[in-house]
C-alpha atoms as a PDB file:
ATOM      1  CA  MET A   1     118.984 114.056  86.643  1.00  0.00           C
ATOM      2  CA  THR A   2     117.213 112.978  89.837  1.00  0.00           C
ATOM      3  CA  ILE A   3     113.827 114.594  90.402  1.00  0.00           C
ATOM      4  CA  GLN A   4     112.894 115.021  94.047  1.00  0.00           C
ATOM      5  CA  PRO A   5     109.335 113.931  94.874  1.00  0.00           C
ATOM      6  CA  ILE A   6     106.767 116.640  95.362  1.00  0.00           C
ATOM      7  CA  SER A   7     106.562 117.635  99.023  1.00  0.00           C
ATOM      8  CA  LEU A   8     103.926 118.988 101.361  1.00  0.00           C
ATOM      9  CA  SER A   9     105.753 122.322 101.567  1.00  0.00           C
ATOM     10  CA  ASP A  10     105.851 122.536  97.752  1.00  0.00           C
ATOM     11  CA  LEU A  11     102.083 122.176  97.528  1.00  0.00           C
ATOM     12  CA  LEU A  12     101.285 124.401 100.484  1.00  0.00           C
ATOM     13  CA  SER A  13     103.424 127.160  98.982  1.00  0.00           C
ATOM     14  CA  LEU A  14     100.561 127.594  96.503  1.00  0.00           C
ATOM     15  CA  PRO A  15      97.603 129.836  97.416  1.00  0.00           C
ATOM     16  CA  HIS A  16      95.108 127.669  99.271  1.00  0.00           C
ATOM     17  CA  HIS A  17      92.449 127.640 101.943  1.00  0.00           C
ATOM     18  CA  MET A  18      91.753 125.182 104.754  1.00  0.00           C
ATOM     19  CA  ILE A  19      88.570 123.236 105.413  1.00  0.00           C
ATOM     20  CA  ASP A  20      87.576 121.113 108.404  1.00  0.00           C
ATOM     21  CA  MET A  21      85.716 117.899 107.602  1.00  0.00           C
ATOM     22  CA  GLN A  22      83.810 115.398 109.727  1.00  0.00           C
ATOM     23  CA  LYS A  23      84.045 111.596 109.619  1.00  0.00           C
ATOM     24  CA  GLY A  24      81.847 110.201 106.833  1.00  0.00           C
ATOM     25  CA  GLU A  25      81.624 113.524 104.991  1.00  0.00           C
ATOM     26  CA  TYR A  26      82.267 113.452 101.232  1.00  0.00           C
ATOM     27  CA  ILE A  27      84.837 115.802  99.728  1.00  0.00           C
ATOM     28  CA  PHE A  28      83.668 114.931  96.223  1.00  0.00           C
ATOM     29  CA  ARG A  29      81.742 112.161  94.480  1.00  0.00           C
ATOM     30  CA  GLU A  30      82.030 110.329  91.183  1.00  0.00           C
ATOM     31  CA  GLY A  31      80.656 112.391  88.313  1.00  0.00           C
ATOM     32  CA  GLU A  32      81.127 115.796  89.936  1.00  0.00           C
ATOM     33  CA  ALA A  33      83.277 118.507  88.362  1.00  0.00           C
ATOM     34  CA  ALA A  34      86.937 118.308  89.391  1.00  0.00           C
ATOM     35  CA  ASN A  35      88.481 121.726  89.979  1.00  0.00           C
ATOM     36  CA  GLU A  36      90.621 121.344  93.097  1.00  0.00           C
ATOM     37  CA  LEU A  37      93.633 119.518  94.498  1.00  0.00           C
ATOM     38  CA  TYR A  38      93.601 118.521  98.170  1.00  0.00           C
ATOM     39  CA  VAL A  39      96.333 117.954 100.743  1.00  0.00           C
ATOM     40  CA  VAL A  40      95.584 116.060 103.953  1.00  0.00           C
ATOM     41  CA  CYS A  41      96.793 118.120 106.913  1.00  0.00           C
ATOM     42  CA  ALA A  42      95.050 115.963 109.536  1.00  0.00           C
ATOM     43  CA  GLY A  43      92.864 112.858 109.442  1.00  0.00           C
ATOM     44  CA  LYS A  44      92.411 110.143 106.819  1.00  0.00           C
ATOM     45  CA  VAL A  45      90.598 110.094 103.477  1.00  0.00           C
ATOM     46  CA  GLN A  46      89.471 107.098 101.436  1.00  0.00           C
ATOM     47  CA  LEU A  47      89.193 107.140  97.650  1.00  0.00           C
ATOM     48  CA  SER A  48      86.681 104.674  96.246  1.00  0.00           C
ATOM     49  CA  LYS A  49      84.724 103.728  93.163  1.00  0.00           C
ATOM     50  CA  THR A  50      81.330 102.068  92.824  1.00  0.00           C
ATOM     51  CA  THR A  51      81.335  98.844  90.806  1.00  0.00           C
ATOM     52  CA  GLU A  52      78.614  97.821  88.352  1.00  0.00           C
ATOM     53  CA  GLU A  53      77.244  95.522  91.063  1.00  0.00           C
ATOM     54  CA  GLY A  54      76.879  98.519  93.368  1.00  0.00           C
ATOM     55  CA  ARG A  55      79.760  97.520  95.652  1.00  0.00           C
ATOM     56  CA  GLU A  56      82.285  99.997  96.969  1.00  0.00           C
ATOM     57  CA  LEU A  57      85.839  99.400  95.728  1.00  0.00           C
ATOM     58  CA  LEU A  58      88.378 101.146  97.953  1.00  0.00           C
ATOM     59  CA  LEU A  59      91.363 102.318  95.943  1.00  0.00           C
ATOM     60  CA  ARG A  60      93.492 104.415  98.248  1.00  0.00           C
ATOM     61  CA  ILE A  61      93.883 105.679 101.809  1.00  0.00           C
ATOM     62  CA  CYS A  62      95.310 109.189 102.109  1.00  0.00           C
ATOM     63  CA  GLU A  63      96.930 110.312 105.351  1.00  0.00           C
ATOM     64  CA  GLN A  64      98.672 113.439 106.615  1.00  0.00           C
ATOM     65  CA  GLY A  65     100.901 114.898 103.902  1.00  0.00           C
ATOM     66  CA  ASP A  66      99.234 113.019 101.034  1.00  0.00           C
ATOM     67  CA  ALA A  67      97.752 114.867  98.065  1.00  0.00           C
ATOM     68  CA  PHE A  68      94.756 113.748  96.042  1.00  0.00           C
ATOM     69  CA  GLY A  69      92.367 115.118  93.464  1.00  0.00           C
ATOM     70  CA  GLU A  70      90.961 114.431  90.031  1.00  0.00           C
ATOM     71  CA  ILE A  71      91.994 117.624  88.269  1.00  0.00           C
ATOM     72  CA  VAL A  72      93.791 117.545  84.922  1.00  0.00           C
ATOM     73  CA  PRO A  73      95.777 120.777  84.429  1.00  0.00           C
ATOM     74  CA  PHE A  74      95.048 122.792  81.285  1.00  0.00           C
ATOM     75  CA  GLN A  75      91.984 120.741  80.404  1.00  0.00           C
ATOM     76  CA  LEU A  76      88.754 122.719  80.246  1.00  0.00           C
ATOM     77  CA  THR A  77      86.509 120.176  81.930  1.00  0.00           C
ATOM     78  CA  CYS A  78      87.467 117.476  84.427  1.00  0.00           C
ATOM     79  CA  VAL A  79      85.110 114.984  86.041  1.00  0.00           C
ATOM     80  CA  CYS A  80      85.763 112.988  89.196  1.00  0.00           C
ATOM     81  CA  THR A  81      86.144 109.287  88.414  1.00  0.00           C
ATOM     82  CA  VAL A  82      86.265 108.322  92.106  1.00  0.00           C
ATOM     83  CA  SER A  83      84.693 109.506  95.353  1.00  0.00           C
ATOM     84  CA  ALA A  84      86.616 110.883  98.333  1.00  0.00           C
ATOM     85  CA  LYS A  85      85.262 110.507 101.875  1.00  0.00           C
ATOM     86  CA  MET A  86      86.665 111.302 105.302  1.00  0.00           C
ATOM     87  CA  MET A  87      87.530 108.195 107.326  1.00  0.00           C
ATOM     88  CA  GLU A  88      87.909 110.338 110.433  1.00  0.00           C
ATOM     89  CA  ARG A  89      87.633 113.977 111.383  1.00  0.00           C
ATOM     90  CA  GLY A  90      90.344 116.035 109.719  1.00  0.00           C
ATOM     91  CA  THR A  91      91.581 119.148 107.952  1.00  0.00           C
ATOM     92  CA  LEU A  92      92.357 119.582 104.254  1.00  0.00           C
ATOM     93  CA  ALA A  93      94.223 122.243 102.317  1.00  0.00           C
ATOM     94  CA  VAL A  94      92.385 123.081  99.097  1.00  0.00           C
ATOM     95  CA  ILE A  95      94.291 124.300  96.029  1.00  0.00           C
ATOM     96  CA  HIS A  96      92.253 125.561  93.090  1.00  0.00           C
ATOM     97  CA  LYS A  97      93.067 124.373  89.582  1.00  0.00           C
ATOM     98  CA  GLN A  98      93.949 127.891  88.396  1.00  0.00           C
ATOM     99  CA  GLN A  99      96.600 128.344  91.107  1.00  0.00           C
ATOM    100  CA  LEU A 100      98.114 124.971  90.253  1.00  0.00           C
ATOM    101  CA  GLU A 101      98.247 125.788  86.535  1.00  0.00           C
ATOM    102  CA  GLU A 102      99.958 129.123  87.190  1.00  0.00           C
ATOM    103  CA  LYS A 103     102.605 127.364  89.290  1.00  0.00           C
ATOM    104  CA  LEU A 104     103.176 124.728  86.610  1.00  0.00           C
ATOM    105  CA  LEU A 105     103.686 127.415  83.961  1.00  0.00           C
ATOM    106  CA  THR A 106     106.203 129.431  85.961  1.00  0.00           C
ATOM    107  CA  ASP A 107     108.141 126.825  87.967  1.00  0.00           C
ATOM    108  CA  HIS A 108     109.968 124.250  85.844  1.00  0.00           C
ATOM    109  CA  ALA A 109     111.222 122.168  88.789  1.00  0.00           C
ATOM    110  CA  PHE A 110     107.751 122.022  90.320  1.00  0.00           C
ATOM    111  CA  SER A 111     106.299 120.951  86.953  1.00  0.00           C
ATOM    112  CA  LEU A 112     108.696 117.997  86.778  1.00  0.00           C
ATOM    113  CA  GLN A 113     107.865 117.008  90.351  1.00  0.00           C
ATOM    114  CA  PHE A 114     104.148 117.198  89.647  1.00  0.00           C
ATOM    115  CA  MET A 115     104.515 115.046  86.517  1.00  0.00           C
ATOM    116  CA  GLN A 116     106.415 112.472  88.569  1.00  0.00           C
ATOM    117  CA  TRP A 117     103.662 112.478  91.200  1.00  0.00           C
ATOM    118  CA  ILE A 118     100.961 111.955  88.536  1.00  0.00           C
ATOM    119  CA  HIS A 119     102.963 109.071  87.054  1.00  0.00           C
ATOM    120  CA  LEU A 120     103.322 107.454  90.484  1.00  0.00           C
ATOM    121  CA  GLN A 121      99.563 107.655  91.099  1.00  0.00           C
ATOM    122  CA  LEU A 122      98.908 106.000  87.725  1.00  0.00           C
ATOM    123  CA  GLN A 123     101.374 103.197  88.487  1.00  0.00           C
ATOM    124  CA  ARG A 124      99.732 102.527  91.846  1.00  0.00           C
ATOM    125  CA  MET A 125      96.275 102.415  90.304  1.00  0.00           C
ATOM    126  CA  GLN A 126      97.355 100.191  87.412  1.00  0.00           C
ATOM    127  CA  THR A 127      98.947  97.599  89.694  1.00  0.00           C
ATOM    128  CA  LYS A 128      95.839  97.429  91.887  1.00  0.00           C
ATOM    129  CA  ILE A 129      93.552  96.969  88.888  1.00  0.00           C
ATOM    130  CA  ARG A 130      95.982  94.415  87.427  1.00  0.00           C
ATOM    131  CA  ASP A 131      95.863  92.287  90.573  1.00  0.00           C
ATOM    132  CA  LEU A 132      92.072  92.392  90.621  1.00  0.00           C
ATOM    133  CA  ILE A 133      91.648  91.521  86.940  1.00  0.00           C
ATOM    134  CA  LEU A 134      94.387  88.903  86.557  1.00  0.00           C
ATOM    135  CA  HIS A 135      93.987  87.069  89.855  1.00  0.00           C
ATOM    136  CA  GLY A 136      90.337  87.552  90.814  1.00  0.00           C
ATOM    137  CA  LYS A 137      89.014  87.904  94.343  1.00  0.00           C
ATOM    138  CA  LYS A 138      91.746  85.782  95.912  1.00  0.00           C
ATOM    139  CA  GLY A 139      94.487  87.750  94.181  1.00  0.00           C
ATOM    140  CA  ALA A 140      92.854  91.027  95.171  1.00  0.00           C
ATOM    141  CA  LEU A 141      92.818  89.957  98.830  1.00  0.00           C
ATOM    142  CA  TYR A 142      96.385  88.646  98.763  1.00  0.00           C
ATOM    143  CA  SER A 143      97.711  91.819  97.128  1.00  0.00           C
ATOM    144  CA  THR A 144      95.757  93.927  99.637  1.00  0.00           C
ATOM    145  CA  LEU A 145      97.390  92.044 102.516  1.00  0.00           C
ATOM    146  CA  ILE A 146     100.815  92.624 100.943  1.00  0.00           C
ATOM    147  CA  ARG A 147     100.060  96.336 100.525  1.00  0.00           C
ATOM    148  CA  LEU A 148      98.870  96.561 104.130  1.00  0.00           C
ATOM    149  CA  ALA A 149     102.116  94.917 105.238  1.00  0.00           C
ATOM    150  CA  ASN A 150     104.141  97.425 103.210  1.00  0.00           C
ATOM    151  CA  SER A 151     102.172 100.377 104.602  1.00  0.00           C
ATOM    152  CA  TYR A 152     101.559  99.423 108.234  1.00  0.00           C
ATOM    153  CA  GLY A 153     103.632  96.292 108.807  1.00  0.00           C
ATOM    154  CA  VAL A 154     105.945  95.825 111.778  1.00  0.00           C
ATOM    155  CA  GLU A 155     108.494  93.010 111.685  1.00  0.00           C
ATOM    156  CA  THR A 156     108.123  90.593 114.626  1.00  0.00           C
ATOM    157  CA  GLU A 157     109.391  87.113 115.469  1.00  0.00           C
ATOM    158  CA  ASP A 158     106.062  85.688 114.283  1.00  0.00           C
ATOM    159  CA  GLY A 159     105.980  87.568 110.990  1.00  0.00           C
ATOM    160  CA  ILE A 160     104.678  90.931 109.831  1.00  0.00           C
ATOM    161  CA  PHE A 161     102.206  92.505 112.252  1.00  0.00           C
ATOM    162  CA  ILE A 162      99.817  94.904 110.480  1.00  0.00           C
ATOM    163  CA  ASN A 163      99.486  97.636 113.069  1.00  0.00           C
ATOM    164  CA  THR A 164      96.089  98.939 112.022  1.00  0.00           C
ATOM    165  CA  PRO A 165      92.700  97.299 112.611  1.00  0.00           C
ATOM    166  CA  MET A 166      90.886  96.143 109.487  1.00  0.00           C
ATOM    167  CA  THR A 167      87.424  94.598 109.423  1.00  0.00           C
ATOM    168  CA  ASN A 168      86.428  91.907 106.941  1.00  0.00           C
ATOM    169  CA  GLN A 169      84.056  94.407 105.340  1.00  0.00           C
ATOM    170  CA  GLU A 170      86.857  96.933 104.849  1.00  0.00           C
ATOM    171  CA  LEU A 171      89.045  94.243 103.293  1.00  0.00           C
ATOM    172  CA  ALA A 172      86.127  93.246 101.065  1.00  0.00           C
ATOM    173  CA  ASN A 173      85.767  96.857  99.936  1.00  0.00           C
ATOM    174  CA  PHE A 174      89.427  96.931  98.908  1.00  0.00           C
ATOM    175  CA  CYS A 175      88.814  93.787  96.856  1.00  0.00           C
ATOM    176  CA  GLY A 176      85.493  94.845  95.348  1.00  0.00           C
ATOM    177  CA  SER A 177      84.058  91.651  96.809  1.00  0.00           C
ATOM    178  CA  ALA A 178      81.411  90.462  99.247  1.00  0.00           C
ATOM    179  CA  ARG A 179      82.310  90.235 102.929  1.00  0.00           C
ATOM    180  CA  GLU A 180      81.361  86.542 102.952  1.00  0.00           C
ATOM    181  CA  VAL A 181      83.892  85.775 100.211  1.00  0.00           C
ATOM    182  CA  VAL A 182      86.705  87.571 102.036  1.00  0.00           C
ATOM    183  CA  SER A 183      85.780  85.892 105.331  1.00  0.00           C
ATOM    184  CA  ARG A 184      86.048  82.477 103.659  1.00  0.00           C
ATOM    185  CA  LEU A 185      89.421  83.304 102.083  1.00  0.00           C
ATOM    186  CA  LEU A 186      90.775  84.612 105.393  1.00  0.00           C
ATOM    187  CA  LYS A 187      89.610  81.438 107.132  1.00  0.00           C
ATOM    188  CA  GLU A 188      91.513  79.357 104.578  1.00  0.00           C
ATOM    189  CA  LEU A 189      94.671  81.416 105.153  1.00  0.00           C
ATOM    190  CA  LYS A 190      94.330  81.000 108.921  1.00  0.00           C
ATOM    191  CA  GLU A 191      93.884  77.234 108.577  1.00  0.00           C
ATOM    192  CA  LEU A 192      97.051  77.094 106.453  1.00  0.00           C
ATOM    193  CA  GLY A 193      98.940  79.096 109.085  1.00  0.00           C
ATOM    194  CA  ILE A 194      99.649  81.916 106.639  1.00  0.00           C
ATOM    195  CA  ILE A 195      97.982  84.556 108.820  1.00  0.00           C
ATOM    196  CA  SER A 196      96.486  84.964 112.271  1.00  0.00           C
ATOM    197  CA  VAL A 197      94.062  87.608 113.524  1.00  0.00           C
ATOM    198  CA  GLU A 198      93.802  89.048 117.018  1.00  0.00           C
ATOM    199  CA  LYS A 199      91.527  91.944 117.992  1.00  0.00           C
ATOM    200  CA  GLY A 200      91.014  92.880 114.355  1.00  0.00           C
ATOM    201  CA  LYS A 201      94.737  93.114 113.589  1.00  0.00           C
ATOM    202  CA  ILE A 202      96.401  90.688 111.189  1.00  0.00           C
ATOM    203  CA  THR A 203      99.812  89.053 111.440  1.00  0.00           C
ATOM    204  CA  ILE A 204     101.186  87.615 108.209  1.00  0.00           C
ATOM    205  CA  HIS A 205     103.376  84.614 109.039  1.00  0.00           C
ATOM    206  CA  ASP A 206     104.319  83.764 105.443  1.00  0.00           C
ATOM    207  CA  VAL A 207     104.196  86.775 103.140  1.00  0.00           C
ATOM    208  CA  GLN A 208     106.159  84.874 100.495  1.00  0.00           C
ATOM    209  CA  PHE A 209     103.222  82.474 100.110  1.00  0.00           C
ATOM    210  CA  LEU A 210     100.970  85.411  99.229  1.00  0.00           C
ATOM    211  CA  LYS A 211     103.529  86.790  96.775  1.00  0.00           C
ATOM    212  CA  ASP A 212     104.012  83.420  95.078  1.00  0.00           C
ATOM    213  CA  GLU A 213     100.263  82.901  94.692  1.00  0.00           C
ATOM    214  CA  ILE A 214      99.847  86.139  92.720  1.00  0.00           C
ATOM    215  CA  ARG A 215     103.235  85.915  90.974  1.00  0.00           C
ATOM    216  CA  CYS A 216     104.314  89.120  92.689  1.00  0.00           C
ATOM    217  CA  GLU A 217     106.615  91.277  90.563  1.00  0.00           C
ATOM    218  CA  SER A 218     108.255  92.812  93.668  1.00  0.00           C
ATOM    219  CA  CYS A 219     107.203  96.351  92.811  1.00  0.00           C
ATOM    220  CA  PRO A 220     108.864  99.121  94.864  1.00  0.00           C
ATOM    221  CA  ILE A 221     107.068  99.923  98.116  1.00  0.00           C
ATOM    222  CA  ASP A 222     106.383 103.417  96.717  1.00  0.00           C
ATOM    223  CA  ILE A 223     103.993 101.671  94.312  1.00  0.00           C
ATOM    224  CA  CYS A 224     102.868  98.626  96.307  1.00  0.00           C
ATOM    225  CA  ASN A 225     101.120 100.280  99.242  1.00  0.00           C
ATOM    226  CA  MET A 226      97.712 101.511 100.348  1.00  0.00           C
ATOM    227  CA  LYS A 227      98.278 105.129  99.300  1.00  0.00           C
END
């Protein structure tokens, strides 16, 4: 049996309310109680975690139609393990834990879809942590570039053009590293002709080099992306 992925209309069929958020505003922070599921209706949201060194590790970028939240259905207490912050002004639909649990109890098809969505989020997180642990800072950067290519890449004659600006600091945050380290690694890639950068946008000329360096397992794009 093929289970269709959970959709925006599925989630918004649940009782919910809308909130408008400003750029830089936190939706929730690490350690806070987790009682709600969120759907991005407009804008972008970043999910991040603070490392022991105090650095911000970006884990996910949520865009229109994406759902996020730290709730665990049918568990009495849930705590946020990451922080969620608006990257730009936007609007979120907020679904309370109780409404979600009632839907899961009464709608078998929705329950299967929700379980599939949870599993997909876990797979995405595990692969990101794997790349960081097994391959260090270089592997984290290379896998981030591959994920950016899968999420925002446009095929050109010169390679894969990542059609979204990304500063060295933002890349460093995705790698849990210092900006100086990422700048040095990017310089090495540019000198090798693997990438080029123009006006803050990266073109990857040899994505296979990046994949070979981290022994890429060719995960499906549903898993290997920035979401």
